[in-house]
């Protein structure tokens, strides 16, 4: 009787799990393993014939100057994006973690950019940089605003980072805010009674207790920064020249504009390995610093 009940439970579990498992295999595992296999071939993405060339695509990556330049740009963009988003989001969460009038409205305002598509955000800010900022410079007499924000290779990076931070900060702020609201207030109140300063309370109590939230936000911002495509594509198309070409855009150009699908997938596999290594190190390091109460 008990065995039949256990068997029936297992069958029911498998029946409910099967649709999700089929979808997962079809739309994630199969494309993943197919992509890894295609990365060892010379293929234009259309032909039925694929030439197996072993590790030749990966060897070519290491001598591809344009790809290495895009890799260097992506690291610069990712570093600025990760640091600024997390610092600003944490600061906003600290300011909004209090019962004051209008705090709900402020939270909504800061989160609002996240409901807009990244491509739409890119087109909106492209228009602002190309048409609005110059008019503001003429109206206010501020000469530093009157420059080529997207056309100057030395400035375009910071323009893209500015928009990315504007769009991504609100979402991370909500995660940090949720983490702050789960902290044990008795510990914080006890430290205040014991005479701890605001800075000391933040460094030695709040920050260590917020490591799980920091871990999540860093994981998400690292992955999103290295996978960035749509914002750069909408704002600059990788220009001027190739000055703002991120790795994802380089992969897109290689696979779909040059019809080198196998080589493009090899670059995608290379990018995946980079993200896996960085996120593994980040999770490993911060996991050790989590405080267990």
C-alpha atoms as a PDB file:
ATOM      1  CA  UNK A   1       0.000   0.000   0.000  1.00  0.00           C
ATOM      2  CA  UNK A   2       2.768   2.411   0.979  1.00  0.00           C
ATOM      3  CA  UNK A   3       4.841   1.450  -2.089  1.00  0.00           C
ATOM      4  CA  UNK A   4       1.873   2.079  -4.385  1.00  0.00           C
ATOM      5  CA  UNK A   5       1.323   5.470  -2.774  1.00  0.00           C
ATOM      6  CA  UNK A   6       4.993   6.427  -3.209  1.00  0.00           C
ATOM      7  CA  UNK A   7       4.929   5.208  -6.821  1.00  0.00           C
ATOM      8  CA  UNK A   8       1.777   7.225  -7.518  1.00  0.00           C
ATOM      9  CA  UNK A   9       3.374  10.307  -5.979  1.00  0.00           C
ATOM     10  CA  UNK A  10       6.495   9.902  -8.116  1.00  0.00           C
ATOM     11  CA  UNK A  11       4.429   9.447 -11.276  1.00  0.00           C
ATOM     12  CA  UNK A  12       2.409  12.567 -10.493  1.00  0.00           C
ATOM     13  CA  UNK A  13       5.629  14.464  -9.879  1.00  0.00           C
ATOM     14  CA  UNK A  14       7.056  13.373 -13.229  1.00  0.00           C
ATOM     15  CA  UNK A  15       3.835  14.242 -15.059  1.00  0.00           C
ATOM     16  CA  UNK A  16       3.889  17.777 -13.678  1.00  0.00           C
ATOM     17  CA  UNK A  17       7.636  18.111 -14.287  1.00  0.00           C
ATOM     18  CA  UNK A  18       7.644  16.734 -17.841  1.00  0.00           C
ATOM     19  CA  UNK A  19       6.279  19.821 -19.710  1.00  0.00           C
ATOM     20  CA  UNK A  20       8.811  22.141 -18.061  1.00  0.00           C
ATOM     21  CA  UNK A  21      11.590  19.603 -18.655  1.00  0.00           C
ATOM     22  CA  UNK A  22      10.710  19.296 -22.353  1.00  0.00           C
ATOM     23  CA  UNK A  23      10.726  23.072 -22.761  1.00  0.00           C
ATOM     24  CA  UNK A  24      14.030  23.363 -20.875  1.00  0.00           C
ATOM     25  CA  UNK A  25      15.697  20.715 -23.031  1.00  0.00           C
ATOM     26  CA  UNK A  26      14.253  22.095 -26.286  1.00  0.00           C
ATOM     27  CA  UNK A  27      14.948  25.800 -25.782  1.00  0.00           C
ATOM     28  CA  UNK A  28      18.030  25.750 -23.521  1.00  0.00           C
ATOM     29  CA  UNK A  29      20.040  22.517 -23.408  1.00  0.00           C
ATOM     30  CA  UNK A  30      19.699  21.607 -27.092  1.00  0.00           C
ATOM     31  CA  UNK A  31      20.724  25.090 -28.390  1.00  0.00           C
ATOM     32  CA  UNK A  32      23.536  25.204 -25.819  1.00  0.00           C
ATOM     33  CA  UNK A  33      25.148  21.922 -26.818  1.00  0.00           C
ATOM     34  CA  UNK A  34      24.453  22.546 -30.519  1.00  0.00           C
ATOM     35  CA  UNK A  35      26.210  25.901 -30.244  1.00  0.00           C
ATOM     36  CA  UNK A  36      29.257  24.317 -28.621  1.00  0.00           C
ATOM     37  CA  UNK A  37      29.434  21.773 -31.471  1.00  0.00           C
ATOM     38  CA  UNK A  38      29.034  24.479 -34.148  1.00  0.00           C
ATOM     39  CA  UNK A  39      31.920  26.448 -32.596  1.00  0.00           C
ATOM     40  CA  UNK A  40      34.276  23.730 -33.911  1.00  0.00           C
ATOM     41  CA  UNK A  41      33.054  24.145 -37.499  1.00  0.00           C
ATOM     42  CA  UNK A  42      33.361  26.512 -40.452  1.00  0.00           C
ATOM     43  CA  UNK A  43      29.726  27.323 -41.269  1.00  0.00           C
ATOM     44  CA  UNK A  44      27.886  30.287 -42.751  1.00  0.00           C
ATOM     45  CA  UNK A  45      24.659  29.621 -40.834  1.00  0.00           C
ATOM     46  CA  UNK A  46      22.677  28.752 -43.986  1.00  0.00           C
ATOM     47  CA  UNK A  47      24.407  25.879 -45.768  1.00  0.00           C
ATOM     48  CA  UNK A  48      23.582  22.297 -44.841  1.00  0.00           C
ATOM     49  CA  UNK A  49      27.275  21.392 -44.958  1.00  0.00           C
ATOM     50  CA  UNK A  50      29.485  22.170 -41.990  1.00  0.00           C
ATOM     51  CA  UNK A  51      33.249  21.697 -42.105  1.00  0.00           C
ATOM     52  CA  UNK A  52      34.795  20.474 -38.846  1.00  0.00           C
ATOM     53  CA  UNK A  53      37.964  22.498 -38.152  1.00  0.00           C
ATOM     54  CA  UNK A  54      38.675  21.650 -34.522  1.00  0.00           C
ATOM     55  CA  UNK A  55      40.080  24.465 -32.370  1.00  0.00           C
ATOM     56  CA  UNK A  56      40.947  26.708 -35.316  1.00  0.00           C
ATOM     57  CA  UNK A  57      38.165  29.189 -34.480  1.00  0.00           C
ATOM     58  CA  UNK A  58      39.409  29.536 -30.913  1.00  0.00           C
ATOM     59  CA  UNK A  59      43.008  30.013 -32.053  1.00  0.00           C
ATOM     60  CA  UNK A  60      41.833  32.743 -34.424  1.00  0.00           C
ATOM     61  CA  UNK A  61      40.071  34.530 -31.546  1.00  0.00           C
ATOM     62  CA  UNK A  62      43.392  35.057 -29.772  1.00  0.00           C
ATOM     63  CA  UNK A  63      44.818  36.882 -32.823  1.00  0.00           C
ATOM     64  CA  UNK A  64      41.643  38.793 -33.740  1.00  0.00           C
ATOM     65  CA  UNK A  65      42.593  42.407 -32.929  1.00  0.00           C
ATOM     66  CA  UNK A  66      39.057  43.730 -33.372  1.00  0.00           C
ATOM     67  CA  UNK A  67      37.682  41.105 -30.982  1.00  0.00           C
ATOM     68  CA  UNK A  68      40.429  41.828 -28.435  1.00  0.00           C
ATOM     69  CA  UNK A  69      39.644  45.553 -28.679  1.00  0.00           C
ATOM     70  CA  UNK A  70      35.957  44.832 -28.095  1.00  0.00           C
ATOM     71  CA  UNK A  71      36.917  42.589 -25.154  1.00  0.00           C
ATOM     72  CA  UNK A  72      38.987  45.407 -23.625  1.00  0.00           C
ATOM     73  CA  UNK A  73      36.137  47.892 -24.157  1.00  0.00           C
ATOM     74  CA  UNK A  74      33.644  45.450 -22.610  1.00  0.00           C
ATOM     75  CA  UNK A  75      35.814  45.087 -19.504  1.00  0.00           C
ATOM     76  CA  UNK A  76      36.039  48.882 -19.131  1.00  0.00           C
ATOM     77  CA  UNK A  77      32.307  49.265 -19.631  1.00  0.00           C
ATOM     78  CA  UNK A  78      31.527  46.387 -17.255  1.00  0.00           C
ATOM     79  CA  UNK A  79      33.785  47.742 -14.499  1.00  0.00           C
ATOM     80  CA  UNK A  80      32.239  51.218 -14.601  1.00  0.00           C
ATOM     81  CA  UNK A  81      28.715  49.860 -14.959  1.00  0.00           C
ATOM     82  CA  UNK A  82      29.003  47.348 -12.096  1.00  0.00           C
ATOM     83  CA  UNK A  83      30.616  49.777  -9.646  1.00  0.00           C
ATOM     84  CA  UNK A  84      28.346  52.746 -10.368  1.00  0.00           C
ATOM     85  CA  UNK A  85      25.079  50.805 -10.425  1.00  0.00           C
ATOM     86  CA  UNK A  86      25.758  49.017  -7.154  1.00  0.00           C
ATOM     87  CA  UNK A  87      27.130  52.035  -5.281  1.00  0.00           C
ATOM     88  CA  UNK A  88      24.314  54.350  -6.386  1.00  0.00           C
ATOM     89  CA  UNK A  89      21.630  51.679  -5.874  1.00  0.00           C
ATOM     90  CA  UNK A  90      22.888  50.932  -2.348  1.00  0.00           C
ATOM     91  CA  UNK A  91      23.003  54.638  -1.508  1.00  0.00           C
ATOM     92  CA  UNK A  92      19.451  55.164  -2.789  1.00  0.00           C
ATOM     93  CA  UNK A  93      18.224  52.123  -0.842  1.00  0.00           C
ATOM     94  CA  UNK A  94      19.740  53.502   2.360  1.00  0.00           C
ATOM     95  CA  UNK A  95      18.056  56.874   1.786  1.00  0.00           C
ATOM     96  CA  UNK A  96      14.680  55.357   0.979  1.00  0.00           C
ATOM     97  CA  UNK A  97      14.708  52.789   3.799  1.00  0.00           C
ATOM     98  CA  UNK A  98      12.783  55.052   6.136  1.00  0.00           C
ATOM     99  CA  UNK A  99       9.211  56.039   6.840  1.00  0.00           C
ATOM    100  CA  UNK A 100       8.917  59.496   5.329  1.00  0.00           C
ATOM    101  CA  UNK A 101       6.242  61.165   3.267  1.00  0.00           C
ATOM    102  CA  UNK A 102       6.544  60.462  -0.457  1.00  0.00           C
ATOM    103  CA  UNK A 103       9.003  57.577  -0.110  1.00  0.00           C
ATOM    104  CA  UNK A 104       6.759  55.277  -2.166  1.00  0.00           C
ATOM    105  CA  UNK A 105       6.602  57.850  -4.967  1.00  0.00           C
ATOM    106  CA  UNK A 106      10.405  58.220  -4.965  1.00  0.00           C
ATOM    107  CA  UNK A 107      10.864  54.450  -5.139  1.00  0.00           C
ATOM    108  CA  UNK A 108       8.535  54.318  -8.144  1.00  0.00           C
ATOM    109  CA  UNK A 109      10.375  57.165  -9.881  1.00  0.00           C
ATOM    110  CA  UNK A 110      13.784  55.502  -9.489  1.00  0.00           C
ATOM    111  CA  UNK A 111      12.413  52.144 -10.644  1.00  0.00           C
ATOM    112  CA  UNK A 112      10.501  53.607 -13.610  1.00  0.00           C
ATOM    113  CA  UNK A 113      13.326  53.350 -16.241  1.00  0.00           C
ATOM    114  CA  UNK A 114      13.304  49.554 -15.856  1.00  0.00           C
ATOM    115  CA  UNK A 115       9.826  49.248 -17.352  1.00  0.00           C
ATOM    116  CA  UNK A 116      11.091  50.758 -20.619  1.00  0.00           C
ATOM    117  CA  UNK A 117      12.654  48.473 -23.220  1.00  0.00           C
ATOM    118  CA  UNK A 118      16.432  48.805 -23.446  1.00  0.00           C
ATOM    119  CA  UNK A 119      16.202  49.477 -27.189  1.00  0.00           C
ATOM    120  CA  UNK A 120      13.680  52.284 -26.604  1.00  0.00           C
ATOM    121  CA  UNK A 121      15.939  53.691 -23.885  1.00  0.00           C
ATOM    122  CA  UNK A 122      18.820  53.672 -26.364  1.00  0.00           C
ATOM    123  CA  UNK A 123      16.839  55.548 -29.022  1.00  0.00           C
ATOM    124  CA  UNK A 124      15.535  58.084 -26.473  1.00  0.00           C
ATOM    125  CA  UNK A 125      19.012  58.891 -25.161  1.00  0.00           C
ATOM    126  CA  UNK A 126      20.468  58.948 -28.663  1.00  0.00           C
ATOM    127  CA  UNK A 127      17.975  61.695 -29.477  1.00  0.00           C
ATOM    128  CA  UNK A 128      18.810  63.517 -26.210  1.00  0.00           C
ATOM    129  CA  UNK A 129      22.563  63.425 -26.809  1.00  0.00           C
ATOM    130  CA  UNK A 130      22.303  64.435 -30.470  1.00  0.00           C
ATOM    131  CA  UNK A 131      19.587  67.108 -30.244  1.00  0.00           C
ATOM    132  CA  UNK A 132      18.647  68.134 -26.718  1.00  0.00           C
ATOM    133  CA  UNK A 133      21.989  68.450 -24.920  1.00  0.00           C
ATOM    134  CA  UNK A 134      23.318  70.933 -27.486  1.00  0.00           C
ATOM    135  CA  UNK A 135      20.225  73.112 -27.062  1.00  0.00           C
ATOM    136  CA  UNK A 136      20.622  72.996 -23.280  1.00  0.00           C
ATOM    137  CA  UNK A 137      24.245  74.115 -23.707  1.00  0.00           C
ATOM    138  CA  UNK A 138      23.161  77.092 -25.834  1.00  0.00           C
ATOM    139  CA  UNK A 139      20.373  78.018 -23.412  1.00  0.00           C
ATOM    140  CA  UNK A 140      22.410  77.717 -20.202  1.00  0.00           C
ATOM    141  CA  UNK A 141      25.793  78.808 -21.527  1.00  0.00           C
ATOM    142  CA  UNK A 142      27.509  75.648 -20.286  1.00  0.00           C
ATOM    143  CA  UNK A 143      30.141  74.893 -22.964  1.00  0.00           C
ATOM    144  CA  UNK A 144      31.086  71.428 -21.666  1.00  0.00           C
ATOM    145  CA  UNK A 145      27.649  70.146 -22.705  1.00  0.00           C
ATOM    146  CA  UNK A 146      28.235  71.113 -26.326  1.00  0.00           C
ATOM    147  CA  UNK A 147      30.309  68.186 -27.519  1.00  0.00           C
ATOM    148  CA  UNK A 148      29.905  65.010 -29.515  1.00  0.00           C
ATOM    149  CA  UNK A 149      28.654  62.661 -26.808  1.00  0.00           C
ATOM    150  CA  UNK A 150      28.259  59.696 -29.165  1.00  0.00           C
ATOM    151  CA  UNK A 151      30.676  60.703 -31.930  1.00  0.00           C
ATOM    152  CA  UNK A 152      33.827  61.169 -29.852  1.00  0.00           C
ATOM    153  CA  UNK A 153      35.588  57.828 -29.120  1.00  0.00           C
ATOM    154  CA  UNK A 154      36.872  59.196 -25.792  1.00  0.00           C
ATOM    155  CA  UNK A 155      33.404  60.227 -24.586  1.00  0.00           C
ATOM    156  CA  UNK A 156      31.092  57.615 -26.137  1.00  0.00           C
ATOM    157  CA  UNK A 157      32.002  55.005 -23.491  1.00  0.00           C
ATOM    158  CA  UNK A 158      30.893  57.297 -20.664  1.00  0.00           C
ATOM    159  CA  UNK A 159      27.712  58.238 -22.511  1.00  0.00           C
ATOM    160  CA  UNK A 160      26.751  54.559 -22.818  1.00  0.00           C
ATOM    161  CA  UNK A 161      27.652  53.919 -19.163  1.00  0.00           C
ATOM    162  CA  UNK A 162      25.567  56.921 -18.073  1.00  0.00           C
ATOM    163  CA  UNK A 163      22.473  55.557 -19.811  1.00  0.00           C
ATOM    164  CA  UNK A 164      23.088  52.020 -18.578  1.00  0.00           C
ATOM    165  CA  UNK A 165      23.421  53.222 -14.976  1.00  0.00           C
ATOM    166  CA  UNK A 166      20.304  55.397 -15.322  1.00  0.00           C
ATOM    167  CA  UNK A 167      18.317  52.417 -16.514  1.00  0.00           C
ATOM    168  CA  UNK A 168      19.702  49.677 -14.255  1.00  0.00           C
ATOM    169  CA  UNK A 169      20.076  51.380 -10.877  1.00  0.00           C
ATOM    170  CA  UNK A 170      16.405  51.276  -9.902  1.00  0.00           C
ATOM    171  CA  UNK A 171      16.112  47.504 -10.166  1.00  0.00           C
ATOM    172  CA  UNK A 172      19.179  46.914  -7.988  1.00  0.00           C
ATOM    173  CA  UNK A 173      17.883  49.525  -5.555  1.00  0.00           C
ATOM    174  CA  UNK A 174      14.748  47.422  -5.005  1.00  0.00           C
ATOM    175  CA  UNK A 175      16.885  44.347  -4.201  1.00  0.00           C
ATOM    176  CA  UNK A 176      19.029  46.306  -1.757  1.00  0.00           C
ATOM    177  CA  UNK A 177      15.927  47.853  -0.238  1.00  0.00           C
ATOM    178  CA  UNK A 178      14.394  44.413   0.281  1.00  0.00           C
ATOM    179  CA  UNK A 179      17.614  43.285   1.950  1.00  0.00           C
ATOM    180  CA  UNK A 180      17.669  46.299   4.272  1.00  0.00           C
ATOM    181  CA  UNK A 181      14.083  45.693   5.327  1.00  0.00           C
ATOM    182  CA  UNK A 182      14.885  42.101   6.363  1.00  0.00           C
ATOM    183  CA  UNK A 183      17.697  43.149   8.722  1.00  0.00           C
ATOM    184  CA  UNK A 184      17.159  42.555  12.415  1.00  0.00           C
ATOM    185  CA  UNK A 185      16.359  46.029  13.765  1.00  0.00           C
ATOM    186  CA  UNK A 186      17.156  44.947  17.312  1.00  0.00           C
ATOM    187  CA  UNK A 187      20.842  44.529  16.391  1.00  0.00           C
ATOM    188  CA  UNK A 188      20.957  47.991  14.792  1.00  0.00           C
ATOM    189  CA  UNK A 189      19.109  49.607  17.712  1.00  0.00           C
ATOM    190  CA  UNK A 190      21.438  47.885  20.196  1.00  0.00           C
ATOM    191  CA  UNK A 191      24.493  49.248  18.393  1.00  0.00           C
ATOM    192  CA  UNK A 192      22.971  52.723  18.482  1.00  0.00           C
ATOM    193  CA  UNK A 193      22.411  52.417  22.238  1.00  0.00           C
ATOM    194  CA  UNK A 194      26.007  51.216  22.674  1.00  0.00           C
ATOM    195  CA  UNK A 195      27.208  54.443  21.059  1.00  0.00           C
ATOM    196  CA  UNK A 196      28.173  53.226  17.577  1.00  0.00           C
ATOM    197  CA  UNK A 197      28.465  56.004  15.014  1.00  0.00           C
ATOM    198  CA  UNK A 198      26.448  55.967  11.782  1.00  0.00           C
ATOM    199  CA  UNK A 199      29.588  55.121   9.792  1.00  0.00           C
ATOM    200  CA  UNK A 200      30.662  52.376  12.215  1.00  0.00           C
ATOM    201  CA  UNK A 201      27.137  50.910  12.201  1.00  0.00           C
ATOM    202  CA  UNK A 202      27.165  50.860   8.414  1.00  0.00           C
ATOM    203  CA  UNK A 203      30.638  49.301   8.041  1.00  0.00           C
ATOM    204  CA  UNK A 204      30.522  46.718  10.809  1.00  0.00           C
ATOM    205  CA  UNK A 205      26.833  45.795  10.997  1.00  0.00           C
ATOM    206  CA  UNK A 206      24.740  46.770   7.967  1.00  0.00           C
ATOM    207  CA  UNK A 207      27.316  46.004   5.259  1.00  0.00           C
ATOM    208  CA  UNK A 208      28.212  42.471   6.494  1.00  0.00           C
ATOM    209  CA  UNK A 209      24.525  41.614   6.916  1.00  0.00           C
ATOM    210  CA  UNK A 210      23.821  42.859   3.384  1.00  0.00           C
ATOM    211  CA  UNK A 211      26.369  40.520   1.729  1.00  0.00           C
ATOM    212  CA  UNK A 212      23.636  38.164   0.347  1.00  0.00           C
ATOM    213  CA  UNK A 213      21.904  41.092  -1.394  1.00  0.00           C
ATOM    214  CA  UNK A 214      25.246  42.444  -2.622  1.00  0.00           C
ATOM    215  CA  UNK A 215      26.053  38.975  -3.960  1.00  0.00           C
ATOM    216  CA  UNK A 216      22.822  38.841  -5.964  1.00  0.00           C
ATOM    217  CA  UNK A 217      23.207  42.365  -7.353  1.00  0.00           C
ATOM    218  CA  UNK A 218      26.843  41.832  -8.325  1.00  0.00           C
ATOM    219  CA  UNK A 219      25.974  38.552 -10.033  1.00  0.00           C
ATOM    220  CA  UNK A 220      23.214  40.208 -12.057  1.00  0.00           C
ATOM    221  CA  UNK A 221      25.182  43.338 -12.990  1.00  0.00           C
ATOM    222  CA  UNK A 222      28.256  41.312 -14.015  1.00  0.00           C
ATOM    223  CA  UNK A 223      26.207  39.030 -16.265  1.00  0.00           C
ATOM    224  CA  UNK A 224      24.176  41.914 -17.723  1.00  0.00           C
ATOM    225  CA  UNK A 225      27.271  44.053 -18.352  1.00  0.00           C
ATOM    226  CA  UNK A 226      29.147  41.371 -20.278  1.00  0.00           C
ATOM    227  CA  UNK A 227      26.030  40.427 -22.260  1.00  0.00           C
ATOM    228  CA  UNK A 228      25.151  44.040 -23.124  1.00  0.00           C
ATOM    229  CA  UNK A 229      23.993  44.345 -26.722  1.00  0.00           C
ATOM    230  CA  UNK A 230      20.686  46.138 -27.249  1.00  0.00           C
ATOM    231  CA  UNK A 231      21.606  49.480 -25.644  1.00  0.00           C
ATOM    232  CA  UNK A 232      24.884  49.824 -27.557  1.00  0.00           C
ATOM    233  CA  UNK A 233      23.231  48.663 -30.785  1.00  0.00           C
ATOM    234  CA  UNK A 234      20.473  51.270 -30.442  1.00  0.00           C
ATOM    235  CA  UNK A 235      22.720  54.155 -29.379  1.00  0.00           C
ATOM    236  CA  UNK A 236      25.963  53.841 -31.358  1.00  0.00           C
ATOM    237  CA  UNK A 237      25.922  50.610 -33.457  1.00  0.00           C
ATOM    238  CA  UNK A 238      29.403  50.135 -31.981  1.00  0.00           C
ATOM    239  CA  UNK A 239      30.666  53.456 -33.304  1.00  0.00           C
ATOM    240  CA  UNK A 240      32.299  55.790 -33.884  1.00  0.00           C
ATOM    241  CA  UNK A 241      34.209  53.248 -35.913  1.00  0.00           C
ATOM    242  CA  UNK A 242      34.438  50.316 -33.516  1.00  0.00           C
ATOM    243  CA  UNK A 243      35.098  52.426 -30.408  1.00  0.00           C
ATOM    244  CA  UNK A 244      32.018  51.184 -28.504  1.00  0.00           C
ATOM    245  CA  UNK A 245      31.749  47.680 -29.945  1.00  0.00           C
ATOM    246  CA  UNK A 246      31.019  45.321 -27.045  1.00  0.00           C
ATOM    247  CA  UNK A 247      31.669  41.593 -27.348  1.00  0.00           C
ATOM    248  CA  UNK A 248      28.013  40.745 -28.025  1.00  0.00           C
ATOM    249  CA  UNK A 249      27.880  43.245 -30.888  1.00  0.00           C
ATOM    250  CA  UNK A 250      31.145  41.891 -32.263  1.00  0.00           C
ATOM    251  CA  UNK A 251      29.644  38.386 -32.203  1.00  0.00           C
ATOM    252  CA  UNK A 252      26.506  39.652 -33.962  1.00  0.00           C
ATOM    253  CA  UNK A 253      28.561  41.338 -36.699  1.00  0.00           C
ATOM    254  CA  UNK A 254      30.704  38.239 -37.195  1.00  0.00           C
ATOM    255  CA  UNK A 255      27.824  35.769 -37.357  1.00  0.00           C
ATOM    256  CA  UNK A 256      25.102  37.689 -39.189  1.00  0.00           C
ATOM    257  CA  UNK A 257      26.888  40.369 -41.220  1.00  0.00           C
ATOM    258  CA  UNK A 258      29.989  38.412 -42.239  1.00  0.00           C
ATOM    259  CA  UNK A 259      28.190  35.037 -42.430  1.00  0.00           C
ATOM    260  CA  UNK A 260      30.813  33.367 -40.227  1.00  0.00           C
ATOM    261  CA  UNK A 261      28.359  31.611 -37.955  1.00  0.00           C
ATOM    262  CA  UNK A 262      30.773  28.991 -36.628  1.00  0.00           C
ATOM    263  CA  UNK A 263      33.364  31.622 -35.731  1.00  0.00           C
ATOM    264  CA  UNK A 264      30.693  33.820 -34.152  1.00  0.00           C
ATOM    265  CA  UNK A 265      29.492  30.943 -31.969  1.00  0.00           C
ATOM    266  CA  UNK A 266      33.094  30.251 -30.933  1.00  0.00           C
ATOM    267  CA  UNK A 267      33.270  33.852 -29.714  1.00  0.00           C
ATOM    268  CA  UNK A 268      29.965  33.363 -27.876  1.00  0.00           C
ATOM    269  CA  UNK A 269      31.371  30.274 -26.147  1.00  0.00           C
ATOM    270  CA  UNK A 270      34.470  32.282 -25.218  1.00  0.00           C
ATOM    271  CA  UNK A 271      32.250  35.025 -23.738  1.00  0.00           C
ATOM    272  CA  UNK A 272      30.254  32.426 -21.787  1.00  0.00           C
ATOM    273  CA  UNK A 273      33.445  31.063 -20.254  1.00  0.00           C
ATOM    274  CA  UNK A 274      34.520  34.571 -19.227  1.00  0.00           C
ATOM    275  CA  UNK A 275      31.177  35.221 -17.518  1.00  0.00           C
ATOM    276  CA  UNK A 276      31.237  31.826 -15.776  1.00  0.00           C
ATOM    277  CA  UNK A 277      34.760  32.339 -14.435  1.00  0.00           C
ATOM    278  CA  UNK A 278      34.120  35.885 -13.165  1.00  0.00           C
ATOM    279  CA  UNK A 279      30.780  35.070 -11.559  1.00  0.00           C
ATOM    280  CA  UNK A 280      32.194  31.901  -9.967  1.00  0.00           C
ATOM    281  CA  UNK A 281      35.032  33.879  -8.368  1.00  0.00           C
ATOM    282  CA  UNK A 282      32.619  36.592  -7.234  1.00  0.00           C
ATOM    283  CA  UNK A 283      30.172  34.115  -5.680  1.00  0.00           C
ATOM    284  CA  UNK A 284      32.987  32.125  -4.065  1.00  0.00           C
ATOM    285  CA  UNK A 285      34.609  35.177  -2.471  1.00  0.00           C
ATOM    286  CA  UNK A 286      31.439  36.831  -1.195  1.00  0.00           C
ATOM    287  CA  UNK A 287      29.926  33.549   0.013  1.00  0.00           C
ATOM    288  CA  UNK A 288      32.741  33.293   2.546  1.00  0.00           C
ATOM    289  CA  UNK A 289      31.952  36.783   3.850  1.00  0.00           C
ATOM    290  CA  UNK A 290      28.273  36.151   4.525  1.00  0.00           C
ATOM    291  CA  UNK A 291      27.274  36.556   8.164  1.00  0.00           C
ATOM    292  CA  UNK A 292      25.092  33.817   9.633  1.00  0.00           C
ATOM    293  CA  UNK A 293      23.042  34.872  12.655  1.00  0.00           C
END
